[in-house]
């Protein structure tokens, strides 16, 4: 496990009316503070990658489809420096892993739809987005210095 990454297994409660899946509570061990909540969509064959933050942690949950979330540790002072890690997150109505992933500041991350046309991820970062001074540092999705290989079906990114 990449140093600082935390996983919370999410429970899906369903009956004949539908379902509910709780993401995070203010009394969870994984909770630090609230910045904002937003949803992002990625289509099959595209990687939304790579970026990292200096100030915020991210908390990813898949709410539609399946998402392959890739992490790469470029923190030189980390015991897991240059290690990568994958997670496949599933929406609550799909069989698979229903997880919240806490991505610590400084860890590169990206994602793509996995075995579906598109995937939606809800993120609850610890900082709100600052439009004047964004806390987002980017690398190309296929940067040769990042020792990670996206699946062959991923043909472009950004």
C-alpha atoms as a PDB file:
ATOM      1  CA  UNK A   1       0.000   0.000   0.000  1.00  0.00           C
ATOM      2  CA  UNK A   2       1.321   3.441  -0.896  1.00  0.00           C
ATOM      3  CA  UNK A   3       2.231   5.298   2.275  1.00  0.00           C
ATOM      4  CA  UNK A   4      -0.657   7.431   3.524  1.00  0.00           C
ATOM      5  CA  UNK A   5      -3.324   5.881   1.293  1.00  0.00           C
ATOM      6  CA  UNK A   6      -6.306   4.716   3.318  1.00  0.00           C
ATOM      7  CA  UNK A   7      -9.234   2.536   2.336  1.00  0.00           C
ATOM      8  CA  UNK A   8     -12.716   2.484   3.778  1.00  0.00           C
ATOM      9  CA  UNK A   9     -15.000  -0.393   2.780  1.00  0.00           C
ATOM     10  CA  UNK A  10     -18.467   0.943   2.073  1.00  0.00           C
ATOM     11  CA  UNK A  11     -21.652  -0.938   2.855  1.00  0.00           C
ATOM     12  CA  UNK A  12     -24.507  -0.977   0.381  1.00  0.00           C
ATOM     13  CA  UNK A  13     -27.933  -1.289   1.991  1.00  0.00           C
ATOM     14  CA  UNK A  14     -30.603  -2.255  -0.506  1.00  0.00           C
ATOM     15  CA  UNK A  15     -34.209  -3.370  -0.536  1.00  0.00           C
ATOM     16  CA  UNK A  16     -37.134  -3.282  -2.959  1.00  0.00           C
ATOM     17  CA  UNK A  17     -37.195   0.548  -2.802  1.00  0.00           C
ATOM     18  CA  UNK A  18     -33.584   1.019  -3.903  1.00  0.00           C
ATOM     19  CA  UNK A  19     -30.320   1.443  -2.048  1.00  0.00           C
ATOM     20  CA  UNK A  20     -28.179   3.708   0.082  1.00  0.00           C
ATOM     21  CA  UNK A  21     -24.396   3.804   0.456  1.00  0.00           C
ATOM     22  CA  UNK A  22     -22.885   6.113   3.060  1.00  0.00           C
ATOM     23  CA  UNK A  23     -19.509   7.578   2.029  1.00  0.00           C
ATOM     24  CA  UNK A  24     -18.048   9.411   4.975  1.00  0.00           C
ATOM     25  CA  UNK A  25     -19.005  10.775   8.370  1.00  0.00           C
ATOM     26  CA  UNK A  26     -17.350  13.404  10.518  1.00  0.00           C
ATOM     27  CA  UNK A  27     -16.651  10.713  13.141  1.00  0.00           C
ATOM     28  CA  UNK A  28     -14.851   8.386  10.672  1.00  0.00           C
ATOM     29  CA  UNK A  29     -11.180   7.707  11.317  1.00  0.00           C
ATOM     30  CA  UNK A  30     -10.522   8.587   7.656  1.00  0.00           C
ATOM     31  CA  UNK A  31     -12.175  12.024   7.949  1.00  0.00           C
ATOM     32  CA  UNK A  32      -9.906  15.044   8.419  1.00  0.00           C
ATOM     33  CA  UNK A  33     -11.902  18.053   7.251  1.00  0.00           C
ATOM     34  CA  UNK A  34     -14.369  19.112   4.585  1.00  0.00           C
ATOM     35  CA  UNK A  35     -13.444  21.282   1.605  1.00  0.00           C
ATOM     36  CA  UNK A  36     -16.114  20.599  -1.009  1.00  0.00           C
ATOM     37  CA  UNK A  37     -17.874  17.759  -2.846  1.00  0.00           C
ATOM     38  CA  UNK A  38     -17.911  17.304  -6.614  1.00  0.00           C
ATOM     39  CA  UNK A  39     -18.524  14.638  -9.227  1.00  0.00           C
ATOM     40  CA  UNK A  40     -16.354  13.883 -12.244  1.00  0.00           C
ATOM     41  CA  UNK A  41     -17.099  11.647 -15.240  1.00  0.00           C
ATOM     42  CA  UNK A  42     -14.585   9.772 -17.368  1.00  0.00           C
ATOM     43  CA  UNK A  43     -15.290   7.868 -20.578  1.00  0.00           C
ATOM     44  CA  UNK A  44     -13.952   4.487 -21.669  1.00  0.00           C
ATOM     45  CA  UNK A  45     -10.539   4.681 -23.336  1.00  0.00           C
ATOM     46  CA  UNK A  46      -9.578   7.991 -21.715  1.00  0.00           C
ATOM     47  CA  UNK A  47      -7.410   8.514 -18.636  1.00  0.00           C
ATOM     48  CA  UNK A  48      -7.997  11.566 -16.496  1.00  0.00           C
ATOM     49  CA  UNK A  49      -4.393  11.740 -15.350  1.00  0.00           C
ATOM     50  CA  UNK A  50      -1.978  12.647 -13.881  1.00  0.00           C
ATOM     51  CA  UNK A  51      -2.215  15.247 -11.139  1.00  0.00           C
ATOM     52  CA  UNK A  52      -1.487  15.747  -7.461  1.00  0.00           C
ATOM     53  CA  UNK A  53      -2.047  18.320  -4.757  1.00  0.00           C
ATOM     54  CA  UNK A  54       0.324  20.002  -2.309  1.00  0.00           C
ATOM     55  CA  UNK A  55      -2.354  21.037   0.194  1.00  0.00           C
ATOM     56  CA  UNK A  56      -5.295  18.660  -0.017  1.00  0.00           C
ATOM     57  CA  UNK A  57      -6.168  15.008   0.359  1.00  0.00           C
ATOM     58  CA  UNK A  58      -8.803  13.525  -1.954  1.00  0.00           C
ATOM     59  CA  UNK A  59     -11.490  10.954  -1.103  1.00  0.00           C
ATOM     60  CA  UNK A  60     -12.762   9.023  -4.155  1.00  0.00           C
ATOM     61  CA  UNK A  61     -15.966   6.962  -4.369  1.00  0.00           C
ATOM     62  CA  UNK A  62     -17.402   5.509  -7.597  1.00  0.00           C
ATOM     63  CA  UNK A  63     -21.123   6.205  -8.048  1.00  0.00           C
ATOM     64  CA  UNK A  64     -21.658   5.013 -11.639  1.00  0.00           C
ATOM     65  CA  UNK A  65     -20.000   2.186 -13.543  1.00  0.00           C
ATOM     66  CA  UNK A  66     -16.557   0.972 -12.553  1.00  0.00           C
ATOM     67  CA  UNK A  67     -13.421   3.071 -12.306  1.00  0.00           C
ATOM     68  CA  UNK A  68      -9.797   2.014 -12.407  1.00  0.00           C
ATOM     69  CA  UNK A  69      -8.047   4.457 -10.060  1.00  0.00           C
ATOM     70  CA  UNK A  70      -4.265   4.549 -10.431  1.00  0.00           C
ATOM     71  CA  UNK A  71      -1.881   6.028  -7.880  1.00  0.00           C
ATOM     72  CA  UNK A  72       1.830   6.753  -8.234  1.00  0.00           C
ATOM     73  CA  UNK A  73       4.053   7.943  -5.399  1.00  0.00           C
ATOM     74  CA  UNK A  74       6.526  10.611  -6.516  1.00  0.00           C
ATOM     75  CA  UNK A  75       7.272  11.870  -2.995  1.00  0.00           C
ATOM     76  CA  UNK A  76      11.038  11.450  -2.679  1.00  0.00           C
ATOM     77  CA  UNK A  77      10.858  11.244   1.121  1.00  0.00           C
ATOM     78  CA  UNK A  78       8.215   8.483   1.069  1.00  0.00           C
ATOM     79  CA  UNK A  79       8.988   4.835   1.905  1.00  0.00           C
ATOM     80  CA  UNK A  80       6.879   3.914  -1.147  1.00  0.00           C
ATOM     81  CA  UNK A  81       8.642   6.314  -3.556  1.00  0.00           C
ATOM     82  CA  UNK A  82       8.047   5.348  -7.220  1.00  0.00           C
ATOM     83  CA  UNK A  83       5.516   2.648  -6.314  1.00  0.00           C
ATOM     84  CA  UNK A  84       2.190   2.444  -8.109  1.00  0.00           C
ATOM     85  CA  UNK A  85      -1.100   0.993  -6.994  1.00  0.00           C
ATOM     86  CA  UNK A  86      -4.440   0.283  -8.688  1.00  0.00           C
ATOM     87  CA  UNK A  87      -7.951   0.065  -7.322  1.00  0.00           C
ATOM     88  CA  UNK A  88     -11.107  -0.896  -9.187  1.00  0.00           C
ATOM     89  CA  UNK A  89     -14.031   0.923  -7.613  1.00  0.00           C
ATOM     90  CA  UNK A  90     -17.601  -0.143  -8.321  1.00  0.00           C
ATOM     91  CA  UNK A  91     -20.822   1.834  -8.144  1.00  0.00           C
ATOM     92  CA  UNK A  92     -23.231   0.592  -5.446  1.00  0.00           C
ATOM     93  CA  UNK A  93     -25.544  -1.289  -7.820  1.00  0.00           C
ATOM     94  CA  UNK A  94     -22.633  -3.192  -9.410  1.00  0.00           C
ATOM     95  CA  UNK A  95     -20.884  -6.163  -7.854  1.00  0.00           C
ATOM     96  CA  UNK A  96     -17.320  -5.399  -6.902  1.00  0.00           C
ATOM     97  CA  UNK A  97     -15.382  -3.330  -4.411  1.00  0.00           C
ATOM     98  CA  UNK A  98     -17.342  -0.487  -2.870  1.00  0.00           C
ATOM     99  CA  UNK A  99     -14.566   1.600  -1.404  1.00  0.00           C
ATOM    100  CA  UNK A 100     -13.617   5.099  -0.440  1.00  0.00           C
ATOM    101  CA  UNK A 101      -9.957   5.773  -1.228  1.00  0.00           C
ATOM    102  CA  UNK A 102      -8.133   8.516   0.645  1.00  0.00           C
ATOM    103  CA  UNK A 103      -5.375   9.837  -1.616  1.00  0.00           C
ATOM    104  CA  UNK A 104      -2.829  11.842   0.377  1.00  0.00           C
ATOM    105  CA  UNK A 105      -1.329  15.096  -0.797  1.00  0.00           C
ATOM    106  CA  UNK A 106       1.687  14.546  -3.020  1.00  0.00           C
ATOM    107  CA  UNK A 107       0.482  11.254  -4.555  1.00  0.00           C
ATOM    108  CA  UNK A 108      -0.177  11.367  -8.291  1.00  0.00           C
ATOM    109  CA  UNK A 109      -3.554   9.989  -9.290  1.00  0.00           C
ATOM    110  CA  UNK A 110      -5.678   9.350 -12.323  1.00  0.00           C
ATOM    111  CA  UNK A 111      -8.585   7.192 -13.382  1.00  0.00           C
ATOM    112  CA  UNK A 112     -10.427   5.675 -16.308  1.00  0.00           C
ATOM    113  CA  UNK A 113     -13.687   3.841 -16.909  1.00  0.00           C
ATOM    114  CA  UNK A 114     -13.228   0.099 -16.424  1.00  0.00           C
ATOM    115  CA  UNK A 115     -15.367  -2.482 -18.244  1.00  0.00           C
ATOM    116  CA  UNK A 116     -18.064   0.156 -18.901  1.00  0.00           C
ATOM    117  CA  UNK A 117     -18.768   3.129 -21.182  1.00  0.00           C
ATOM    118  CA  UNK A 118     -18.239   5.704 -18.463  1.00  0.00           C
ATOM    119  CA  UNK A 119     -17.609   6.017 -14.754  1.00  0.00           C
ATOM    120  CA  UNK A 120     -18.540   8.725 -12.281  1.00  0.00           C
ATOM    121  CA  UNK A 121     -16.486   9.475  -9.203  1.00  0.00           C
ATOM    122  CA  UNK A 122     -17.505  11.670  -6.293  1.00  0.00           C
ATOM    123  CA  UNK A 123     -14.578  13.380  -4.594  1.00  0.00           C
ATOM    124  CA  UNK A 124     -14.621  15.016  -1.171  1.00  0.00           C
ATOM    125  CA  UNK A 125     -11.310  16.866  -0.919  1.00  0.00           C
ATOM    126  CA  UNK A 126     -10.061  18.473   2.272  1.00  0.00           C
ATOM    127  CA  UNK A 127      -9.773  21.887   0.566  1.00  0.00           C
ATOM    128  CA  UNK A 128     -12.188  23.730  -1.694  1.00  0.00           C
ATOM    129  CA  UNK A 129     -10.941  24.527  -5.200  1.00  0.00           C
ATOM    130  CA  UNK A 130      -9.137  27.858  -5.388  1.00  0.00           C
ATOM    131  CA  UNK A 131      -9.808  29.264  -8.859  1.00  0.00           C
ATOM    132  CA  UNK A 132      -7.136  31.979  -8.531  1.00  0.00           C
ATOM    133  CA  UNK A 133      -4.395  29.649  -7.253  1.00  0.00           C
ATOM    134  CA  UNK A 134      -5.327  26.029  -8.023  1.00  0.00           C
ATOM    135  CA  UNK A 135      -3.647  23.384  -5.860  1.00  0.00           C
ATOM    136  CA  UNK A 136      -3.222  21.060  -8.801  1.00  0.00           C
ATOM    137  CA  UNK A 137       0.033  20.047 -10.441  1.00  0.00           C
ATOM    138  CA  UNK A 138      -0.277  18.070 -13.658  1.00  0.00           C
ATOM    139  CA  UNK A 139       1.700  15.572 -15.705  1.00  0.00           C
ATOM    140  CA  UNK A 140       0.809  14.048 -19.068  1.00  0.00           C
ATOM    141  CA  UNK A 141      -1.210  10.832 -18.770  1.00  0.00           C
ATOM    142  CA  UNK A 142       1.553   8.926 -20.610  1.00  0.00           C
ATOM    143  CA  UNK A 143       4.562  10.713 -19.086  1.00  0.00           C
ATOM    144  CA  UNK A 144       7.574   8.382 -19.526  1.00  0.00           C
ATOM    145  CA  UNK A 145       8.969   9.368 -16.103  1.00  0.00           C
ATOM    146  CA  UNK A 146       5.908   7.885 -14.401  1.00  0.00           C
ATOM    147  CA  UNK A 147       6.468   4.145 -14.173  1.00  0.00           C
ATOM    148  CA  UNK A 148       2.873   3.136 -14.797  1.00  0.00           C
ATOM    149  CA  UNK A 149       1.198   1.486 -17.779  1.00  0.00           C
ATOM    150  CA  UNK A 150      -2.466   2.185 -18.392  1.00  0.00           C
ATOM    151  CA  UNK A 151      -4.493  -0.718 -19.831  1.00  0.00           C
ATOM    152  CA  UNK A 152      -4.164  -1.098 -23.613  1.00  0.00           C
ATOM    153  CA  UNK A 153      -7.691   0.192 -24.230  1.00  0.00           C
ATOM    154  CA  UNK A 154      -6.678   3.627 -22.869  1.00  0.00           C
ATOM    155  CA  UNK A 155      -5.670   5.612 -25.957  1.00  0.00           C
ATOM    156  CA  UNK A 156      -5.650   9.193 -24.703  1.00  0.00           C
ATOM    157  CA  UNK A 157      -5.778  11.281 -21.590  1.00  0.00           C
ATOM    158  CA  UNK A 158      -5.646  14.669 -20.060  1.00  0.00           C
END
